[in-house]
Amino acid sequence: MGEDSEVRDADWYGEDLSGQEHEGVRFTGVDLSEATGEGAVFTDCTFADCKLNGVRFTDAAFLNCTFTGCSFFQAEFTGCKLVGSRFERCTFDLMSVDGGDWSFVVLPGADLTRATLAGTRLREADLTGLRAAGGMLRGLDLSAAELAGADLSGADLRGSDLSALDPRDARLAGAVIDVAQAVVLVTSIGLDVRPDAPQ
């Protein structure tokens, strides 16, 4: 598909998009529900008011794309790259992300309370005001991510890099973490962690 073209109000329900490449395309009101796509590549594309419910993408790429007012109910992304993509007013109920690279994504205020992310790279992502209370965020690379005002209360964070998280500027009550993460968080607020002194 050529650059700067537009797809409007199309019905791509259940389509197999494997191997397709789209660059600079604007998708408006497109129903992509239940679509699949192994190795599909979308570069500098815009998705406005699109349905991506139940999509299953594997080893696909959405590079520097913008998603506005889109629904990702039960969407599955396995080993996908979404580097530099931006999400605004989107919903992510029961979305599942396994692996992949989501570095530099912009997800301010996103509600991931019912989403599951595991083993995903989110380096330098903008997660300001993230709402993930009770969410599953395991094994994530969150180095240099912006997490100011994030609500991670009750979330399972085990195995995730929390070096960029200031526990004084986030809600963490009831969050599940491992021992190594506890040391990182305690150290980040200026406490000096040492082994017990010999008796």
C-alpha atoms as a PDB file:
ATOM      1  CA  MET A   1       0.000   0.000   0.000  1.00  0.00           C
ATOM      2  CA  GLY A   2       1.418   3.383  -0.936  1.00  0.00           C
ATOM      3  CA  GLU A   3       2.505   6.070   1.446  1.00  0.00           C
ATOM      4  CA  ASP A   4       0.016   8.580   2.831  1.00  0.00           C
ATOM      5  CA  SER A   5      -3.015   6.582   1.676  1.00  0.00           C
ATOM      6  CA  GLU A   6      -6.095   6.089   3.818  1.00  0.00           C
ATOM      7  CA  VAL A   7      -8.284   3.135   4.679  1.00  0.00           C
ATOM      8  CA  ARG A   8     -11.649   4.249   6.063  1.00  0.00           C
ATOM      9  CA  ASP A   9     -14.485   2.212   7.604  1.00  0.00           C
ATOM     10  CA  ALA A  10     -13.176  -1.043   6.101  1.00  0.00           C
ATOM     11  CA  ASP A  11     -14.176  -4.463   7.393  1.00  0.00           C
ATOM     12  CA  TRP A  12     -10.997  -6.469   7.925  1.00  0.00           C
ATOM     13  CA  TYR A  13     -12.602  -8.771  10.475  1.00  0.00           C
ATOM     14  CA  GLY A  14     -10.620 -12.020  10.708  1.00  0.00           C
ATOM     15  CA  GLU A  15      -8.237 -11.024   7.907  1.00  0.00           C
ATOM     16  CA  ASP A  16      -4.811 -12.651   7.689  1.00  0.00           C
ATOM     17  CA  LEU A  17      -2.342  -9.764   7.413  1.00  0.00           C
ATOM     18  CA  SER A  18       0.775 -11.936   7.573  1.00  0.00           C
ATOM     19  CA  GLY A  19       3.681 -10.488   5.646  1.00  0.00           C
ATOM     20  CA  GLN A  20       1.853  -7.292   4.674  1.00  0.00           C
ATOM     21  CA  GLU A  21       3.693  -3.963   4.846  1.00  0.00           C
ATOM     22  CA  HIS A  22       2.019  -0.584   5.260  1.00  0.00           C
ATOM     23  CA  GLU A  23       3.780   2.762   5.525  1.00  0.00           C
ATOM     24  CA  GLY A  24       2.269   6.155   6.237  1.00  0.00           C
ATOM     25  CA  VAL A  25      -1.284   4.810   6.037  1.00  0.00           C
ATOM     26  CA  ARG A  26      -4.171   6.255   8.053  1.00  0.00           C
ATOM     27  CA  PHE A  27      -6.686   3.645   9.211  1.00  0.00           C
ATOM     28  CA  THR A  28      -9.938   5.273  10.327  1.00  0.00           C
ATOM     29  CA  GLY A  29     -12.849   3.304  11.774  1.00  0.00           C
ATOM     30  CA  VAL A  30     -11.416   0.013  10.500  1.00  0.00           C
ATOM     31  CA  ASP A  31     -12.638  -3.224  12.104  1.00  0.00           C
ATOM     32  CA  LEU A  32      -9.576  -5.427  12.541  1.00  0.00           C
ATOM     33  CA  SER A  33     -11.203  -7.698  15.119  1.00  0.00           C
ATOM     34  CA  GLU A  34      -9.889 -11.277  15.155  1.00  0.00           C
ATOM     35  CA  ALA A  35      -7.296 -10.388  12.484  1.00  0.00           C
ATOM     36  CA  THR A  36      -3.998 -12.258  12.529  1.00  0.00           C
ATOM     37  CA  GLY A  37      -0.625 -11.195  11.260  1.00  0.00           C
ATOM     38  CA  GLU A  38       2.721 -12.943  11.427  1.00  0.00           C
ATOM     39  CA  GLY A  39       5.559 -10.667  10.376  1.00  0.00           C
ATOM     40  CA  ALA A  40       3.258  -7.808   9.338  1.00  0.00           C
ATOM     41  CA  VAL A  41       4.918  -4.380   9.361  1.00  0.00           C
ATOM     42  CA  PHE A  42       3.207  -1.022   9.901  1.00  0.00           C
ATOM     43  CA  THR A  43       5.493   2.037   9.811  1.00  0.00           C
ATOM     44  CA  ASP A  44       4.412   5.600  10.658  1.00  0.00           C
ATOM     45  CA  CYS A  45       0.750   4.585  10.426  1.00  0.00           C
ATOM     46  CA  THR A  46      -2.212   6.107  12.259  1.00  0.00           C
ATOM     47  CA  PHE A  47      -5.081   4.062  13.675  1.00  0.00           C
ATOM     48  CA  ALA A  48      -8.087   6.192  14.648  1.00  0.00           C
ATOM     49  CA  ASP A  49     -11.193   4.670  16.266  1.00  0.00           C
ATOM     50  CA  CYS A  50     -10.240   1.181  15.091  1.00  0.00           C
ATOM     51  CA  LYS A  51     -11.280  -2.139  16.619  1.00  0.00           C
ATOM     52  CA  LEU A  52      -8.382  -4.497  17.307  1.00  0.00           C
ATOM     53  CA  ASN A  53     -10.391  -6.818  19.537  1.00  0.00           C
ATOM     54  CA  GLY A  54      -9.041 -10.346  19.607  1.00  0.00           C
ATOM     55  CA  VAL A  55      -6.243  -9.663  17.116  1.00  0.00           C
ATOM     56  CA  ARG A  56      -3.296 -12.058  17.220  1.00  0.00           C
ATOM     57  CA  PHE A  57      -0.031 -10.622  15.969  1.00  0.00           C
ATOM     58  CA  THR A  58       3.208 -12.603  16.070  1.00  0.00           C
ATOM     59  CA  ASP A  59       6.625 -11.124  15.263  1.00  0.00           C
ATOM     60  CA  ALA A  60       4.849  -8.112  13.766  1.00  0.00           C
ATOM     61  CA  ALA A  61       6.012  -4.486  13.921  1.00  0.00           C
ATOM     62  CA  PHE A  62       4.133  -1.240  14.539  1.00  0.00           C
ATOM     63  CA  LEU A  63       6.936   1.329  14.313  1.00  0.00           C
ATOM     64  CA  ASN A  64       6.243   4.954  15.262  1.00  0.00           C
ATOM     65  CA  CYS A  65       2.510   4.389  14.869  1.00  0.00           C
ATOM     66  CA  THR A  66      -0.259   6.364  16.568  1.00  0.00           C
ATOM     67  CA  PHE A  67      -3.355   4.705  18.039  1.00  0.00           C
ATOM     68  CA  THR A  68      -6.231   6.988  19.035  1.00  0.00           C
ATOM     69  CA  GLY A  69      -9.523   5.774  20.482  1.00  0.00           C
ATOM     70  CA  CYS A  70      -8.773   2.137  19.641  1.00  0.00           C
ATOM     71  CA  SER A  71      -9.960  -1.004  21.436  1.00  0.00           C
ATOM     72  CA  PHE A  72      -7.556  -3.858  22.186  1.00  0.00           C
ATOM     73  CA  PHE A  73      -9.951  -6.204  24.016  1.00  0.00           C
ATOM     74  CA  GLN A  74      -8.333  -9.663  24.258  1.00  0.00           C
ATOM     75  CA  ALA A  75      -5.651  -8.606  21.762  1.00  0.00           C
ATOM     76  CA  GLU A  76      -2.511 -10.764  21.710  1.00  0.00           C
ATOM     77  CA  PHE A  77       0.949  -9.523  20.751  1.00  0.00           C
ATOM     78  CA  THR A  78       3.714 -12.129  20.749  1.00  0.00           C
ATOM     79  CA  GLY A  79       7.283 -11.060  20.031  1.00  0.00           C
ATOM     80  CA  CYS A  80       6.102  -7.823  18.415  1.00  0.00           C
ATOM     81  CA  LYS A  81       7.879  -4.479  18.057  1.00  0.00           C
ATOM     82  CA  LEU A  82       5.954  -1.305  18.836  1.00  0.00           C
ATOM     83  CA  VAL A  83       8.971   0.957  19.209  1.00  0.00           C
ATOM     84  CA  GLY A  84       8.065   4.646  19.372  1.00  0.00           C
ATOM     85  CA  SER A  85       4.324   4.130  19.055  1.00  0.00           C
ATOM     86  CA  ARG A  86       1.808   6.360  20.831  1.00  0.00           C
ATOM     87  CA  PHE A  87      -1.509   5.414  22.412  1.00  0.00           C
ATOM     88  CA  GLU A  88      -4.251   7.918  23.263  1.00  0.00           C
ATOM     89  CA  ARG A  89      -7.708   7.132  24.689  1.00  0.00           C
ATOM     90  CA  CYS A  90      -7.320   3.410  23.997  1.00  0.00           C
ATOM     91  CA  THR A  91      -8.699   0.496  26.011  1.00  0.00           C
ATOM     92  CA  PHE A  92      -6.669  -2.616  26.827  1.00  0.00           C
ATOM     93  CA  ASP A  93      -9.016  -4.991  28.664  1.00  0.00           C
ATOM     94  CA  LEU A  94      -7.575  -8.531  28.747  1.00  0.00           C
ATOM     95  CA  MET A  95      -4.788  -7.593  26.327  1.00  0.00           C
ATOM     96  CA  SER A  96      -1.824  -9.980  26.423  1.00  0.00           C
ATOM     97  CA  VAL A  97       1.728  -9.003  25.475  1.00  0.00           C
ATOM     98  CA  ASP A  98       4.413 -11.690  25.474  1.00  0.00           C
ATOM     99  CA  GLY A  99       7.982 -10.553  24.820  1.00  0.00           C
ATOM    100  CA  GLY A 100       8.747  -8.056  22.116  1.00  0.00           C
ATOM    101  CA  ASP A 101      10.125  -4.524  22.152  1.00  0.00           C
ATOM    102  CA  TRP A 102       7.860  -1.645  23.171  1.00  0.00           C
ATOM    103  CA  SER A 103      10.677   0.797  23.910  1.00  0.00           C
ATOM    104  CA  PHE A 104       9.897   4.531  23.686  1.00  0.00           C
ATOM    105  CA  VAL A 105       6.128   3.917  23.546  1.00  0.00           C
ATOM    106  CA  VAL A 106       3.907   6.698  24.866  1.00  0.00           C
ATOM    107  CA  LEU A 107       1.161   5.335  27.124  1.00  0.00           C
ATOM    108  CA  PRO A 108       0.349   8.139  29.583  1.00  0.00           C
ATOM    109  CA  GLY A 109      -2.579   7.352  31.844  1.00  0.00           C
ATOM    110  CA  ALA A 110      -3.203   3.987  30.159  1.00  0.00           C
ATOM    111  CA  ASP A 111      -5.404   1.533  32.042  1.00  0.00           C
ATOM    112  CA  LEU A 112      -3.616  -1.833  32.162  1.00  0.00           C
ATOM    113  CA  THR A 113      -5.419  -3.150  35.222  1.00  0.00           C
ATOM    114  CA  ARG A 114      -6.770  -6.115  33.256  1.00  0.00           C
ATOM    115  CA  ALA A 115      -3.834  -6.555  30.891  1.00  0.00           C
ATOM    116  CA  THR A 116      -0.944  -9.010  31.074  1.00  0.00           C
ATOM    117  CA  LEU A 117       2.571  -8.056  29.995  1.00  0.00           C
ATOM    118  CA  ALA A 118       5.459 -10.491  30.337  1.00  0.00           C
ATOM    119  CA  GLY A 119       9.086 -10.322  29.259  1.00  0.00           C
ATOM    120  CA  THR A 120       8.549  -7.143  27.254  1.00  0.00           C
ATOM    121  CA  ARG A 121      11.091  -4.387  26.701  1.00  0.00           C
ATOM    122  CA  LEU A 122       9.680  -0.973  27.682  1.00  0.00           C
ATOM    123  CA  ARG A 123      12.872   1.025  27.923  1.00  0.00           C
ATOM    124  CA  GLU A 124      12.357   4.796  28.140  1.00  0.00           C
ATOM    125  CA  ALA A 125       8.602   4.344  27.748  1.00  0.00           C
ATOM    126  CA  ASP A 126       6.311   7.157  28.894  1.00  0.00           C
ATOM    127  CA  LEU A 127       4.094   5.457  31.455  1.00  0.00           C
ATOM    128  CA  THR A 128       3.219   8.614  33.363  1.00  0.00           C
ATOM    129  CA  GLY A 129       0.058   8.111  35.411  1.00  0.00           C
ATOM    130  CA  LEU A 130      -0.178   4.455  34.367  1.00  0.00           C
ATOM    131  CA  ARG A 131      -3.132   2.651  35.947  1.00  0.00           C
ATOM    132  CA  ALA A 132      -2.157  -0.963  36.539  1.00  0.00           C
ATOM    133  CA  ALA A 133      -3.589  -1.787  39.953  1.00  0.00           C
ATOM    134  CA  GLY A 134      -3.792  -5.566  40.193  1.00  0.00           C
ATOM    135  CA  GLY A 135      -2.232  -5.951  36.755  1.00  0.00           C
ATOM    136  CA  MET A 136       0.318  -8.538  35.638  1.00  0.00           C
ATOM    137  CA  LEU A 137       3.583  -6.818  34.683  1.00  0.00           C
ATOM    138  CA  ARG A 138       6.248  -9.489  35.018  1.00  0.00           C
ATOM    139  CA  GLY A 139       9.793  -9.580  33.709  1.00  0.00           C
ATOM    140  CA  LEU A 140       9.572  -6.167  32.029  1.00  0.00           C
ATOM    141  CA  ASP A 141      12.561  -4.025  31.131  1.00  0.00           C
ATOM    142  CA  LEU A 142      11.400  -0.673  32.479  1.00  0.00           C
ATOM    143  CA  SER A 143      14.850   0.931  32.603  1.00  0.00           C
ATOM    144  CA  ALA A 144      14.674   4.719  32.189  1.00  0.00           C
ATOM    145  CA  ALA A 145      10.879   4.525  31.854  1.00  0.00           C
ATOM    146  CA  GLU A 146       8.799   7.455  33.133  1.00  0.00           C
ATOM    147  CA  LEU A 147       6.555   6.117  35.900  1.00  0.00           C
ATOM    148  CA  ALA A 148       5.596   9.278  37.782  1.00  0.00           C
ATOM    149  CA  GLY A 149       2.155   8.966  39.349  1.00  0.00           C
ATOM    150  CA  ALA A 150       1.757   5.319  38.333  1.00  0.00           C
ATOM    151  CA  ASP A 151      -0.742   3.210  40.259  1.00  0.00           C
ATOM    152  CA  LEU A 152       0.872  -0.211  40.644  1.00  0.00           C
ATOM    153  CA  SER A 153      -0.960  -1.196  43.818  1.00  0.00           C
ATOM    154  CA  GLY A 154      -1.566  -4.919  43.964  1.00  0.00           C
ATOM    155  CA  ALA A 155       0.247  -5.477  40.658  1.00  0.00           C
ATOM    156  CA  ASP A 156       2.542  -8.454  40.138  1.00  0.00           C
ATOM    157  CA  LEU A 157       5.868  -6.850  39.231  1.00  0.00           C
ATOM    158  CA  ARG A 158       8.222  -9.746  39.864  1.00  0.00           C
ATOM    159  CA  GLY A 159      11.258  -9.844  37.632  1.00  0.00           C
ATOM    160  CA  SER A 160      10.725  -6.351  36.224  1.00  0.00           C
ATOM    161  CA  ASP A 161      13.448  -3.683  36.219  1.00  0.00           C
ATOM    162  CA  LEU A 162      12.235  -1.083  38.718  1.00  0.00           C
ATOM    163  CA  SER A 163      15.398   1.033  38.741  1.00  0.00           C
ATOM    164  CA  ALA A 164      13.520   3.997  37.234  1.00  0.00           C
ATOM    165  CA  LEU A 165      10.646   3.823  39.730  1.00  0.00           C
ATOM    166  CA  ASP A 166      10.546   6.339  42.562  1.00  0.00           C
ATOM    167  CA  PRO A 167       8.393   4.638  45.226  1.00  0.00           C
ATOM    168  CA  ARG A 168       7.608   8.057  46.693  1.00  0.00           C
ATOM    169  CA  ASP A 169       5.910   9.069  43.442  1.00  0.00           C
ATOM    170  CA  ALA A 170       3.828   5.955  42.763  1.00  0.00           C
ATOM    171  CA  ARG A 171       1.190   3.830  44.454  1.00  0.00           C
ATOM    172  CA  LEU A 172       2.649   0.461  45.410  1.00  0.00           C
ATOM    173  CA  ALA A 173       0.519  -0.838  48.272  1.00  0.00           C
ATOM    174  CA  GLY A 174       0.096  -4.591  47.963  1.00  0.00           C
ATOM    175  CA  ALA A 175       2.327  -4.874  44.887  1.00  0.00           C
ATOM    176  CA  VAL A 176       4.112  -8.221  44.581  1.00  0.00           C
ATOM    177  CA  ILE A 177       7.886  -7.920  44.151  1.00  0.00           C
ATOM    178  CA  ASP A 178      10.926 -10.139  44.645  1.00  0.00           C
ATOM    179  CA  VAL A 179      13.817  -9.646  47.067  1.00  0.00           C
ATOM    180  CA  ALA A 180      16.135  -8.062  44.492  1.00  0.00           C
ATOM    181  CA  GLN A 181      13.464  -5.514  43.598  1.00  0.00           C
ATOM    182  CA  ALA A 182      12.914  -4.718  47.273  1.00  0.00           C
ATOM    183  CA  VAL A 183      16.596  -3.827  47.615  1.00  0.00           C
ATOM    184  CA  VAL A 184      16.403  -1.586  44.525  1.00  0.00           C
ATOM    185  CA  LEU A 185      13.364   0.274  45.855  1.00  0.00           C
ATOM    186  CA  VAL A 186      14.739   0.673  49.361  1.00  0.00           C
ATOM    187  CA  THR A 187      18.036   1.950  47.986  1.00  0.00           C
ATOM    188  CA  SER A 188      16.225   4.407  45.713  1.00  0.00           C
ATOM    189  CA  ILE A 189      14.795   6.245  48.718  1.00  0.00           C
ATOM    190  CA  GLY A 190      18.230   6.627  50.257  1.00  0.00           C
ATOM    191  CA  LEU A 191      18.372   3.752  52.704  1.00  0.00           C
ATOM    192  CA  ASP A 192      21.646   1.888  53.163  1.00  0.00           C
ATOM    193  CA  VAL A 193      21.074  -1.855  52.889  1.00  0.00           C
ATOM    194  CA  ARG A 194      23.763  -3.966  54.579  1.00  0.00           C
ATOM    195  CA  PRO A 195      24.051  -7.540  55.808  1.00  0.00           C
ATOM    196  CA  ASP A 196      23.595  -8.214  59.501  1.00  0.00           C
ATOM    197  CA  ALA A 197      26.573  -7.203  61.606  1.00  0.00           C
ATOM    198  CA  PRO A 198      28.434 -10.169  63.102  1.00  0.00           C
ATOM    199  CA  GLN A 199      27.563 -10.861  66.713  1.00  0.00           C
END
